[in-house]
Protein backbone atom coordinates (compact mmCIF):
# COMPACT_ATOMS: atom_id res chain seq x y z
CA MET A 1 79.61 80.89 116.73
CA GLY A 2 82.48 79.95 114.39
CA ARG A 3 86.11 80.58 115.01
CA GLU A 4 86.23 83.59 112.68
CA VAL A 5 85.11 86.73 114.52
CA LYS A 6 84.77 89.93 112.56
CA ALA A 7 86.94 92.66 114.05
CA ARG A 8 85.19 95.77 115.35
CA PHE A 9 88.00 97.98 114.08
CA PHE A 10 89.69 98.67 110.78
CA SER A 11 92.44 96.06 110.60
CA LEU A 12 95.36 95.36 108.32
CA ALA A 13 93.23 92.62 106.76
CA ASP A 14 90.60 95.24 105.93
CA GLY A 15 93.29 97.38 104.36
CA LEU A 16 94.46 94.47 102.22
CA ALA A 17 90.87 93.78 101.18
CA GLN A 18 90.61 97.32 99.78
CA ARG A 19 93.11 96.35 97.07
CA LYS A 20 94.49 99.88 97.12
CA ASP A 21 97.17 101.39 99.31
CA ASN A 22 99.81 104.09 99.47
CA PHE A 23 102.93 101.95 99.80
CA LEU A 24 104.17 103.38 96.50
CA LEU A 25 104.01 106.93 97.85
CA LEU A 26 105.44 105.86 101.21
CA ARG A 27 108.49 104.29 99.59
CA PHE A 28 108.98 107.33 97.35
CA LEU A 29 108.94 109.67 100.36
CA ALA A 30 111.24 107.31 102.27
CA ALA A 31 113.75 107.39 99.40
CA ALA A 32 113.59 111.20 99.42
CA LEU A 33 114.09 111.17 103.20
CA VAL A 34 117.22 109.03 102.79
CA ILE A 35 118.63 111.66 100.43
CA TYR A 36 117.82 114.39 102.93
CA GLY A 37 119.50 112.48 105.76
CA HIS A 38 122.58 111.54 103.77
CA ALA A 39 123.21 115.17 102.87
CA TYR A 40 124.25 115.80 106.47
CA ALA A 41 126.74 112.94 106.29
CA MET A 42 128.48 114.14 103.15
CA MET A 43 128.43 117.94 103.38
CA VAL A 44 130.00 120.33 105.89
CA GLU A 45 127.07 121.22 108.09
CA LYS A 46 125.79 124.75 107.67
CA GLY A 47 122.33 126.22 107.59
CA PRO A 48 119.36 124.47 109.27
CA PRO A 49 120.25 121.38 111.34
CA GLU A 50 118.87 117.92 110.53
CA LEU A 51 115.16 118.17 111.37
CA PHE A 52 114.49 115.00 113.35
CA THR A 53 117.51 115.05 115.64
CA SER A 54 117.01 118.77 116.29
CA LEU A 55 113.47 117.96 117.44
CA GLY A 56 114.83 115.42 119.91
CA TRP A 57 113.87 112.27 118.00
CA PRO A 58 115.96 109.20 118.93
CA THR A 59 117.34 108.81 115.41
CA TYR A 60 117.85 110.77 112.21
CA SER A 61 115.87 110.96 108.98
CA GLY A 62 117.87 108.43 106.97
CA SER A 63 117.52 105.75 109.64
CA ILE A 64 113.78 106.41 109.95
CA ALA A 65 113.39 106.06 106.19
CA VAL A 66 115.26 102.73 106.13
CA ASP A 67 113.05 101.51 108.99
CA LEU A 68 109.97 102.31 106.91
CA PHE A 69 111.46 100.47 103.94
CA PHE A 70 112.17 97.33 105.96
CA ALA A 71 108.85 97.30 107.82
CA THR A 72 107.04 97.62 104.50
CA SER A 73 109.23 94.96 102.91
CA GLY A 74 108.65 92.50 105.76
CA PHE A 75 104.90 92.93 105.46
CA LEU A 76 104.67 92.72 101.66
CA VAL A 77 107.30 90.04 101.11
CA THR A 78 105.74 87.72 103.69
CA GLY A 79 102.40 88.19 101.98
CA SER A 80 104.03 87.52 98.63
CA PHE A 81 105.37 84.16 99.79
CA LEU A 82 102.08 83.09 101.35
CA ARG A 83 100.21 83.93 98.14
CA ARG A 84 102.68 82.16 95.85
CA ARG A 85 103.17 79.07 98.04
CA ASN A 86 106.19 78.08 95.98
CA VAL A 87 109.72 78.87 97.10
CA LEU A 88 111.18 78.83 93.57
CA VAL A 89 108.60 81.29 92.27
CA PHE A 90 109.12 83.44 95.36
CA LEU A 91 112.91 83.55 95.00
CA TRP A 92 112.67 84.18 91.27
CA ALA A 93 110.34 87.14 91.89
CA ARG A 94 112.63 88.53 94.61
CA ALA A 95 115.69 88.18 92.39
CA LEU A 96 113.97 90.02 89.53
CA ARG A 97 112.96 92.81 91.87
CA LEU A 98 116.38 93.27 93.44
CA LEU A 99 119.16 92.16 91.13
CA PRO A 100 118.80 93.81 87.69
CA ALA A 101 118.64 97.40 88.95
CA TYR A 102 121.31 96.76 91.57
CA ALA A 103 123.66 95.12 89.06
CA ALA A 104 123.17 98.02 86.67
CA CYS A 105 123.93 100.49 89.46
CA VAL A 106 127.22 98.94 90.58
CA VAL A 107 128.44 98.25 87.02
CA LEU A 108 127.59 101.73 85.75
CA SER A 109 129.05 103.29 88.89
CA ALA A 110 132.35 101.52 88.31
CA PHE A 111 132.75 101.94 84.57
CA VAL A 112 130.79 105.08 83.69
CA LEU A 113 130.42 107.32 86.74
CA GLY A 114 133.87 106.39 88.02
CA ALA A 115 135.44 106.88 84.61
CA ILE A 116 133.99 110.38 84.44
CA TYR A 117 134.92 111.52 87.95
CA THR A 118 138.22 109.77 88.64
CA GLN A 119 141.28 111.93 89.00
CA LEU A 120 143.45 109.15 87.55
CA PRO A 121 144.21 108.80 83.86
CA LEU A 122 141.38 106.78 82.36
CA PRO A 123 143.53 103.77 81.27
CA ASP A 124 145.04 103.58 84.77
CA TYR A 125 141.60 103.78 86.38
CA LEU A 126 140.10 101.05 84.21
CA HIS A 127 143.03 98.72 84.81
CA ARG A 128 143.09 99.13 88.57
CA PRO A 129 141.97 95.92 90.32
CA GLU A 130 139.78 97.99 92.68
CA THR A 131 137.75 99.19 89.71
CA ARG A 132 137.10 95.70 88.41
CA ALA A 133 136.42 94.37 91.91
CA TYR A 134 133.83 97.01 92.77
CA PRO A 135 130.84 95.46 90.95
CA TRP A 136 131.97 91.88 91.46
CA VAL A 137 132.42 92.13 95.23
CA ASN A 138 129.27 94.16 95.76
CA LEU A 139 127.20 91.64 93.83
CA HIS A 140 128.11 89.03 96.43
CA PHE A 141 125.84 90.79 98.96
CA GLY A 142 128.41 90.21 101.68
CA VAL A 143 129.31 92.46 104.59
CA ASP A 144 132.62 93.51 102.98
CA LEU A 145 131.14 95.78 100.33
CA ARG A 146 133.44 98.08 98.37
CA TRP A 147 132.70 101.74 99.08
CA GLU A 148 135.31 103.62 97.07
CA LEU A 149 136.70 103.70 93.55
CA PRO A 150 140.24 104.80 92.66
CA GLY A 151 140.48 108.58 92.52
CA VAL A 152 136.70 109.08 92.57
CA PHE A 153 135.22 111.84 94.75
CA THR A 154 138.47 112.01 96.73
CA ASN A 155 138.20 115.80 97.11
CA ASN A 156 134.55 115.84 98.14
CA PRO A 157 133.81 117.63 101.42
CA ARG A 158 133.35 114.72 103.81
CA ARG A 159 134.02 111.34 102.22
CA ALA A 160 134.92 109.51 98.99
CA THR A 161 132.24 106.84 99.37
CA VAL A 162 130.62 106.22 96.00
CA ASN A 163 127.39 104.72 97.30
CA GLY A 164 126.75 104.53 101.03
CA SER A 165 123.20 103.29 100.53
CA LEU A 166 124.23 99.81 99.41
CA TRP A 167 124.85 98.52 102.95
CA THR A 168 121.17 97.62 103.44
CA LEU A 169 120.92 95.36 100.38
CA PRO A 170 122.74 92.34 101.94
CA ALA A 171 120.38 92.59 104.92
CA GLU A 172 117.38 92.62 102.58
CA VAL A 173 118.63 89.52 100.79
CA ARG A 174 119.10 87.70 104.08
CA MET A 175 115.54 88.54 105.12
CA TYR A 176 114.25 87.08 101.84
CA LEU A 177 116.13 83.88 102.67
CA TRP A 178 114.60 83.77 106.15
CA VAL A 179 111.12 84.11 104.65
CA ALA A 180 111.90 81.35 102.15
CA ILE A 181 113.22 79.04 104.88
CA LEU A 182 110.35 79.60 107.31
CA GLY A 183 107.81 79.40 104.49
CA THR A 184 109.23 76.20 103.05
CA LEU A 185 109.16 74.60 106.50
CA GLY A 186 105.47 75.50 106.76
CA ILE A 187 106.05 77.77 109.75
CA LEU A 188 104.66 80.94 108.17
CA THR A 189 101.28 79.30 107.59
CA ARG A 190 100.89 78.37 111.26
CA ARG A 191 100.32 81.53 113.24
CA ALA A 192 101.49 80.24 116.62
CA TYR A 193 104.65 78.64 115.20
CA ALA A 194 105.45 81.70 113.13
CA THR A 195 104.99 84.01 116.11
CA ILE A 196 107.18 81.88 118.37
CA MET A 197 109.90 81.63 115.74
CA ILE A 198 109.94 85.33 114.84
CA VAL A 199 109.86 86.43 118.47
CA ALA A 200 112.65 83.94 119.24
CA LEU A 201 114.74 85.42 116.42
CA LEU A 202 114.10 88.94 117.71
CA VAL A 203 115.16 87.93 121.22
CA ALA A 204 118.21 86.12 119.87
CA GLY A 205 119.19 89.21 117.91
CA TRP A 206 118.94 91.24 121.11
CA LEU A 207 120.67 88.86 123.51
CA LEU A 208 122.95 86.80 121.25
CA PRO A 209 123.57 88.94 118.16
CA ASP A 210 126.78 87.11 117.24
CA TYR A 211 124.96 83.81 116.88
CA LEU A 212 121.96 84.86 114.80
CA PRO A 213 122.02 82.90 111.51
CA LEU A 214 122.23 84.89 108.27
CA VAL A 215 122.76 88.15 110.18
CA PRO A 216 126.55 88.41 110.48
CA PHE A 217 126.79 92.15 111.08
CA ASP A 218 125.54 94.10 114.12
CA GLY A 219 124.42 96.95 111.86
CA PHE A 220 121.84 94.64 110.32
CA LEU A 221 120.09 93.85 113.60
CA HIS A 222 117.84 96.88 113.81
CA ILE A 223 116.62 96.89 110.23
CA CYS A 224 116.19 93.11 110.24
CA ALA A 225 114.07 93.52 113.37
CA MET A 226 111.89 96.03 111.48
CA PHE A 227 111.50 93.48 108.68
CA ALA A 228 110.53 90.82 111.25
CA LEU A 229 107.94 93.13 112.81
CA GLY A 230 106.46 93.77 109.36
CA SER A 231 106.32 90.03 108.75
CA LEU A 232 104.65 89.45 112.09
CA ALA A 233 102.13 92.16 111.27
CA TYR A 234 101.12 90.33 108.11
CA ILE A 235 100.69 87.08 110.01
CA TRP A 236 98.40 88.81 112.54
CA ARG A 237 96.84 91.15 109.97
CA ASP A 238 93.23 90.47 111.04
CA ARG A 239 94.02 91.38 114.66
CA ILE A 240 96.10 94.53 114.17
CA PRO A 241 94.21 97.86 114.12
CA VAL A 242 95.11 100.63 111.71
CA HIS A 243 94.25 104.00 113.19
CA GLY A 244 95.80 107.44 113.43
CA GLY A 245 95.05 107.50 117.15
CA LEU A 246 97.30 104.49 117.64
CA VAL A 247 100.15 106.33 115.91
CA VAL A 248 99.68 109.38 118.13
CA ALA A 249 99.44 107.27 121.29
CA LEU A 250 102.61 105.33 120.51
CA ALA A 251 104.45 108.53 119.59
CA PHE A 252 103.39 110.10 122.90
CA VAL A 253 104.47 107.07 124.95
CA CYS A 254 107.75 107.06 123.00
CA TRP A 255 108.26 110.72 123.93
CA LEU A 256 107.54 109.99 127.60
CA SER A 257 110.14 107.19 127.55
CA SER A 258 112.86 109.42 126.09
CA GLY A 259 116.30 108.40 127.29
CA THR A 260 115.19 105.01 128.60
CA GLN A 261 115.94 101.54 127.27
CA ILE A 262 112.34 100.99 126.22
CA GLN A 263 112.27 103.95 123.85
CA PRO A 264 113.86 102.17 120.83
CA PRO A 265 111.29 99.31 120.71
CA LEU A 266 108.45 101.79 121.33
CA PHE A 267 109.75 103.97 118.52
CA ALA A 268 109.89 100.93 116.23
CA LEU A 269 106.24 100.17 117.03
CA ALA A 270 105.32 103.80 116.36
CA GLU A 271 107.07 103.59 112.98
CA LEU A 272 105.19 100.38 112.20
CA ALA A 273 101.84 101.92 113.15
CA PHE A 274 102.59 104.98 111.01
CA THR A 275 103.57 102.78 108.05
CA PHE A 276 100.21 101.00 107.99
CA TRP A 277 98.18 104.13 108.75
CA PHE A 278 99.84 105.92 105.84
CA ALA A 279 99.38 102.93 103.53
CA TYR A 280 95.74 102.13 104.28
CA ARG A 281 94.07 105.14 105.88
CA LEU A 282 95.36 108.02 103.77
CA PRO A 283 92.39 108.67 101.47
CA TRP A 284 94.35 109.90 98.44
CA HIS A 285 95.75 107.27 96.06
CA GLY A 286 96.68 109.44 93.10
CA PHE A 287 100.37 108.61 93.29
CA ASN A 288 99.63 105.05 92.23
CA CYS A 289 99.24 106.18 88.63
CA VAL A 290 103.02 106.65 88.34
CA GLY A 291 105.74 104.01 88.38
CA ASP A 292 107.62 102.60 91.35
CA TYR A 293 110.65 104.88 91.27
CA SER A 294 111.72 104.47 94.89
CA TYR A 295 114.21 101.62 94.43
CA GLY A 296 116.07 103.40 91.65
CA MET A 297 116.04 106.60 93.71
CA TYR A 298 117.48 104.72 96.66
CA LEU A 299 120.20 103.07 94.57
CA TRP A 300 121.26 106.25 92.79
CA GLY A 301 120.53 108.90 95.42
CA PHE A 302 123.94 108.72 97.12
CA PRO A 303 125.97 108.87 93.86
CA CYS A 304 123.81 111.79 92.73
CA GLN A 305 124.57 113.61 95.97
CA GLN A 306 128.27 112.96 95.55
CA ILE A 307 128.11 114.36 92.03
CA VAL A 308 126.45 117.52 93.35
CA ALA A 309 129.00 117.71 96.17
CA HIS A 310 131.85 117.35 93.66
CA HIS A 311 130.65 120.32 91.62
CA LEU A 312 129.31 122.40 94.52
CA PRO A 313 131.39 121.51 97.59
CA ASP A 314 130.52 124.61 99.62
CA ILE A 315 126.73 124.35 99.66
CA SER A 316 124.70 123.39 102.73
CA PRO A 317 123.31 119.90 103.29
CA LEU A 318 119.79 121.16 102.65
CA THR A 319 120.83 122.63 99.30
CA ASN A 320 122.63 119.42 98.38
CA ALA A 321 119.46 117.44 99.11
CA ALA A 322 117.29 119.89 97.15
CA LEU A 323 119.55 119.71 94.10
CA SER A 324 120.13 115.96 94.30
CA LEU A 325 116.51 114.90 94.69
CA PRO A 326 115.36 115.78 91.13
CA LEU A 327 118.45 114.07 89.75
CA ALA A 328 117.75 110.95 91.80
CA VAL A 329 114.11 110.96 90.69
CA LEU A 330 115.30 111.07 87.07
CA PHE A 331 117.57 108.08 87.68
CA GLY A 332 114.68 106.33 89.43
CA VAL A 333 112.37 106.88 86.47
CA VAL A 334 114.96 105.58 84.01
CA SER A 335 115.73 102.60 86.24
CA TRP A 336 112.04 101.72 86.53
CA TYR A 337 111.15 101.90 82.85
CA ALA A 338 114.45 100.67 81.38
CA ILE A 339 115.36 97.93 83.86
CA GLU A 340 112.96 97.14 86.73
CA LYS A 341 109.62 97.05 84.93
CA PRO A 342 110.90 94.90 82.02
CA ALA A 343 112.55 92.54 84.53
CA LEU A 344 109.34 92.21 86.54
CA SER A 345 107.48 91.21 83.39
CA LEU A 346 109.48 87.95 83.58
CA LYS A 347 107.99 86.99 86.95
CA SER A 348 105.93 84.15 85.51
CA GLY A 349 109.22 82.44 84.60
CA PRO A 350 109.55 79.00 83.05
CA ARG A 351 106.35 77.49 84.42
CA SER A 352 107.36 73.95 83.62
CA LEU A 353 110.38 74.36 85.88
CA TRP A 354 108.25 75.70 88.73
CA ASP A 355 105.69 72.94 88.29
CA ARG A 356 108.31 70.23 88.20
CA PHE A 357 110.44 71.26 91.15
CA GLY A 358 108.33 73.77 93.04
CA SER A 359 105.60 71.29 93.95
CA ARG A 360 108.07 69.62 96.32
CA VAL A 361 108.40 72.79 98.39
CA ARG A 362 104.87 74.15 98.35
CA THR A 363 103.24 75.29 101.55
CA ARG A 364 99.60 75.23 102.51
CA PRO A 365 97.41 77.97 101.02
CA ASP A 366 97.39 81.26 102.88
CA SER A 367 93.66 80.83 103.48
CA ALA A 368 94.47 77.77 105.58
CA MET A 369 95.94 80.00 108.29
CA ARG A 370 93.43 79.93 111.13
CA PRO A 371 93.19 82.79 113.64
CA ALA A 372 93.86 80.46 116.53
CA ASP A 373 96.93 78.85 114.93
């Protein structure tokens, strides 16, 4: 008997072999869930309470949605590196996916949205150093992001933050760098080494958060851990079952552990199991005929909600979310077709450059990963 043993259950590897999934729909729903959750942070609470916390869940809808985003990203981005086997191609693809839409968002927020909604005279607003610094500082992907613009949304019900969603982008960039580092060192192609390294990073983030490289902010720890779990899931994809019963079982154990220290990691595993069940076991794939609007929705959802709050400050959070969602979808559609999709068409890049320099940092083919490694 050879080393490869066919699993007796539907695994993540089986899901990947289908060449069809529902990650597009999952990310779209997650972006909508972020908008729903943020409505309770920016409006005076009235009407129905936030659903998940009212049901006794350990966290609220926006945090759950971000967890789903990062678990999905860890899984797909790790697979992307292992398929490309070239760190320059990988980083180029990641930059094209992240930067153009993000740059457009922060620049347009500063000089168009801010110019419309500032209470300052327009010449004063445009000449304020805070206005010019907003896109520049935020494009550094540091932990000192700029949240406000002069005179913008200052009379909104709860806060003047222009875009509270941007805080996760520096964490995402740092996770891309971790994948590039571990992949370039050949660790990701050796299952045992990759597992030891990722688990060691998870433990370090738990016990020594101040000393974890590339993660300089405590708020990043949880979502970076979700990314790491998604990455680990890809590495062990042929051994990880995908089944609705697993989701139910983990959810039940999580409920039993309510109020204990083991509930957060159990909840993270339940989220991970749900992510892959939704992606690979949901039989309907009709949403895949539309574009990938989720990133644009995520980038523009918060500003859209602040616009609605500016004009309708007395509505409930649920009404704010209901009115903001179509507007965010519209921005997501425009972002996808005007910016993201054209940028992604450049993924092939200057091949001569990749061939010349990328060959020095290639890793072994993904197929070389052996189950026992």
